[in-house]
């Protein structure tokens, strides 16, 4: 049968081991928080309401035309300028949609074609 001092050393060793594990976990959590923490000054994407039937996620409308042929012509004009665009039907009209970073350039390209 082990003596009393051996039991104390086993208990103290177990407590020391648990303390080391807790310290390592805290250090890892702090390091991850510091590395990947939520910096509120970094801009993030504005996501629309997923339940909104009129929302197109990140895409924004730059033009609305009455027919499919006109929509494809404008989309082709944007593609020739290097701007990614898509067409969407909205009742009888068609919408030309681009990403937010391309809205100004797309409007410039589309306005030059109307002159």
C-alpha atoms as a PDB file:
ATOM      1  CA  UNK A   1       0.000   0.000   0.000  1.00  0.00           C
ATOM      2  CA  UNK A   2       1.425   3.387  -0.983  1.00  0.00           C
ATOM      3  CA  UNK A   3       2.254   5.755   1.786  1.00  0.00           C
ATOM      4  CA  UNK A   4       0.571   9.130   2.356  1.00  0.00           C
ATOM      5  CA  UNK A   5       3.343  11.192   0.758  1.00  0.00           C
ATOM      6  CA  UNK A   6       2.999   9.238  -2.514  1.00  0.00           C
ATOM      7  CA  UNK A   7      -0.726   9.964  -2.591  1.00  0.00           C
ATOM      8  CA  UNK A   8      -0.093  13.682  -2.037  1.00  0.00           C
ATOM      9  CA  UNK A   9       2.439  13.735  -4.884  1.00  0.00           C
ATOM     10  CA  UNK A  10      -0.039  11.993  -7.206  1.00  0.00           C
ATOM     11  CA  UNK A  11      -2.765  14.523  -6.343  1.00  0.00           C
ATOM     12  CA  UNK A  12      -0.389  17.479  -6.712  1.00  0.00           C
ATOM     13  CA  UNK A  13       0.915  16.073 -10.011  1.00  0.00           C
ATOM     14  CA  UNK A  14      -2.638  15.730 -11.340  1.00  0.00           C
ATOM     15  CA  UNK A  15      -3.515  19.279 -10.280  1.00  0.00           C
ATOM     16  CA  UNK A  16      -0.308  20.592 -11.839  1.00  0.00           C
ATOM     17  CA  UNK A  17      -1.072  18.763 -15.086  1.00  0.00           C
ATOM     18  CA  UNK A  18      -4.607  20.222 -15.175  1.00  0.00           C
ATOM     19  CA  UNK A  19      -3.210  23.709 -14.522  1.00  0.00           C
ATOM     20  CA  UNK A  20      -0.747  23.335 -17.403  1.00  0.00           C
ATOM     21  CA  UNK A  21      -3.534  22.200 -19.748  1.00  0.00           C
ATOM     22  CA  UNK A  22      -5.714  25.182 -18.733  1.00  0.00           C
ATOM     23  CA  UNK A  23      -2.831  27.632 -19.294  1.00  0.00           C
ATOM     24  CA  UNK A  24      -2.098  26.141 -22.743  1.00  0.00           C
ATOM     25  CA  UNK A  25      -5.765  26.359 -23.740  1.00  0.00           C
ATOM     26  CA  UNK A  26      -5.979  29.991 -22.591  1.00  0.00           C
ATOM     27  CA  UNK A  27      -2.808  30.890 -24.508  1.00  0.00           C
ATOM     28  CA  UNK A  28      -4.152  29.213 -27.667  1.00  0.00           C
ATOM     29  CA  UNK A  29      -7.528  30.979 -27.351  1.00  0.00           C
ATOM     30  CA  UNK A  30      -5.860  34.367 -26.845  1.00  0.00           C
ATOM     31  CA  UNK A  31      -3.515  33.769 -29.781  1.00  0.00           C
ATOM     32  CA  UNK A  32      -6.393  32.775 -32.068  1.00  0.00           C
ATOM     33  CA  UNK A  33      -8.468  35.745 -30.941  1.00  0.00           C
ATOM     34  CA  UNK A  34      -5.545  38.080 -31.569  1.00  0.00           C
ATOM     35  CA  UNK A  35      -4.886  36.557 -34.994  1.00  0.00           C
ATOM     36  CA  UNK A  36      -8.442  36.111 -36.278  1.00  0.00           C
ATOM     37  CA  UNK A  37     -10.320  38.445 -33.936  1.00  0.00           C
ATOM     38  CA  UNK A  38     -13.289  40.461 -35.056  1.00  0.00           C
ATOM     39  CA  UNK A  39     -11.827  43.851 -35.981  1.00  0.00           C
ATOM     40  CA  UNK A  40     -14.893  46.024 -36.482  1.00  0.00           C
ATOM     41  CA  UNK A  41     -12.970  48.563 -38.583  1.00  0.00           C
ATOM     42  CA  UNK A  42     -12.469  46.068 -41.432  1.00  0.00           C
ATOM     43  CA  UNK A  43     -15.207  46.496 -44.053  1.00  0.00           C
ATOM     44  CA  UNK A  44     -17.380  43.466 -44.637  1.00  0.00           C
ATOM     45  CA  UNK A  45     -19.808  42.543 -47.370  1.00  0.00           C
ATOM     46  CA  UNK A  46     -23.315  43.890 -47.024  1.00  0.00           C
ATOM     47  CA  UNK A  47     -25.564  40.897 -47.257  1.00  0.00           C
ATOM     48  CA  UNK A  48     -29.199  41.401 -48.087  1.00  0.00           C
ATOM     49  CA  UNK A  49     -32.176  39.786 -46.471  1.00  0.00           C
ATOM     50  CA  UNK A  50     -32.347  36.183 -47.742  1.00  0.00           C
ATOM     51  CA  UNK A  51     -36.149  36.205 -47.443  1.00  0.00           C
ATOM     52  CA  UNK A  52     -36.555  39.297 -49.656  1.00  0.00           C
ATOM     53  CA  UNK A  53     -37.804  38.125 -53.089  1.00  0.00           C
ATOM     54  CA  UNK A  54     -36.540  41.326 -54.762  1.00  0.00           C
ATOM     55  CA  UNK A  55     -32.999  41.088 -53.357  1.00  0.00           C
ATOM     56  CA  UNK A  56     -30.105  39.969 -55.522  1.00  0.00           C
ATOM     57  CA  UNK A  57     -27.486  39.449 -52.811  1.00  0.00           C
ATOM     58  CA  UNK A  58     -24.378  41.447 -53.596  1.00  0.00           C
ATOM     59  CA  UNK A  59     -25.526  42.521 -57.061  1.00  0.00           C
ATOM     60  CA  UNK A  60     -26.818  46.043 -57.727  1.00  0.00           C
ATOM     61  CA  UNK A  61     -28.942  47.291 -60.598  1.00  0.00           C
ATOM     62  CA  UNK A  62     -27.280  49.683 -63.049  1.00  0.00           C
ATOM     63  CA  UNK A  63     -29.885  49.714 -65.805  1.00  0.00           C
ATOM     64  CA  UNK A  64     -33.395  48.563 -66.682  1.00  0.00           C
ATOM     65  CA  UNK A  65     -34.489  47.920 -70.270  1.00  0.00           C
ATOM     66  CA  UNK A  66     -37.756  46.752 -71.840  1.00  0.00           C
ATOM     67  CA  UNK A  67     -36.529  43.710 -73.779  1.00  0.00           C
ATOM     68  CA  UNK A  68     -34.221  40.714 -73.638  1.00  0.00           C
ATOM     69  CA  UNK A  69     -32.277  41.758 -76.736  1.00  0.00           C
ATOM     70  CA  UNK A  70     -31.510  45.193 -75.296  1.00  0.00           C
ATOM     71  CA  UNK A  71     -30.434  43.604 -72.023  1.00  0.00           C
ATOM     72  CA  UNK A  72     -28.028  41.259 -73.821  1.00  0.00           C
ATOM     73  CA  UNK A  73     -26.601  44.163 -75.844  1.00  0.00           C
ATOM     74  CA  UNK A  74     -25.897  46.142 -72.665  1.00  0.00           C
ATOM     75  CA  UNK A  75     -24.481  43.081 -70.912  1.00  0.00           C
ATOM     76  CA  UNK A  76     -22.196  42.498 -73.894  1.00  0.00           C
ATOM     77  CA  UNK A  77     -21.065  46.122 -73.798  1.00  0.00           C
ATOM     78  CA  UNK A  78     -20.175  45.718 -70.119  1.00  0.00           C
ATOM     79  CA  UNK A  79     -18.387  42.432 -70.791  1.00  0.00           C
ATOM     80  CA  UNK A  80     -16.320  44.108 -73.520  1.00  0.00           C
ATOM     81  CA  UNK A  81     -15.261  46.700 -70.929  1.00  0.00           C
ATOM     82  CA  UNK A  82     -14.208  43.928 -68.520  1.00  0.00           C
ATOM     83  CA  UNK A  83     -17.161  44.324 -66.153  1.00  0.00           C
ATOM     84  CA  UNK A  84     -18.952  41.194 -64.969  1.00  0.00           C
ATOM     85  CA  UNK A  85     -22.703  41.618 -65.391  1.00  0.00           C
ATOM     86  CA  UNK A  86     -25.862  39.561 -65.513  1.00  0.00           C
ATOM     87  CA  UNK A  87     -29.451  40.060 -66.643  1.00  0.00           C
ATOM     88  CA  UNK A  88     -32.568  39.397 -64.615  1.00  0.00           C
ATOM     89  CA  UNK A  89     -36.208  39.605 -65.619  1.00  0.00           C
ATOM     90  CA  UNK A  90     -38.438  41.822 -63.513  1.00  0.00           C
ATOM     91  CA  UNK A  91     -41.938  41.551 -64.934  1.00  0.00           C
ATOM     92  CA  UNK A  92     -41.893  42.940 -68.472  1.00  0.00           C
ATOM     93  CA  UNK A  93     -38.523  44.694 -67.914  1.00  0.00           C
ATOM     94  CA  UNK A  94     -34.981  43.315 -67.684  1.00  0.00           C
ATOM     95  CA  UNK A  95     -32.463  44.443 -65.089  1.00  0.00           C
ATOM     96  CA  UNK A  96     -28.705  44.677 -65.665  1.00  0.00           C
ATOM     97  CA  UNK A  97     -26.898  43.747 -62.432  1.00  0.00           C
ATOM     98  CA  UNK A  98     -23.228  44.179 -61.448  1.00  0.00           C
ATOM     99  CA  UNK A  99     -21.137  43.879 -58.285  1.00  0.00           C
ATOM    100  CA  UNK A 100     -20.934  46.971 -56.033  1.00  0.00           C
ATOM    101  CA  UNK A 101     -17.294  47.678 -56.931  1.00  0.00           C
ATOM    102  CA  UNK A 102     -18.233  47.923 -60.619  1.00  0.00           C
ATOM    103  CA  UNK A 103     -21.349  50.132 -60.338  1.00  0.00           C
ATOM    104  CA  UNK A 104     -19.658  53.445 -61.213  1.00  0.00           C
ATOM    105  CA  UNK A 105     -17.661  51.992 -64.100  1.00  0.00           C
ATOM    106  CA  UNK A 106     -20.724  50.201 -65.452  1.00  0.00           C
ATOM    107  CA  UNK A 107     -22.789  53.379 -65.416  1.00  0.00           C
ATOM    108  CA  UNK A 108     -20.022  55.217 -67.255  1.00  0.00           C
ATOM    109  CA  UNK A 109     -19.804  52.468 -69.900  1.00  0.00           C
ATOM    110  CA  UNK A 110     -23.589  52.368 -70.343  1.00  0.00           C
ATOM    111  CA  UNK A 111     -23.901  56.164 -70.520  1.00  0.00           C
ATOM    112  CA  UNK A 112     -21.210  56.391 -73.237  1.00  0.00           C
ATOM    113  CA  UNK A 113     -23.219  54.000 -75.406  1.00  0.00           C
ATOM    114  CA  UNK A 114     -26.351  56.130 -75.174  1.00  0.00           C
ATOM    115  CA  UNK A 115     -24.755  59.247 -76.694  1.00  0.00           C
END
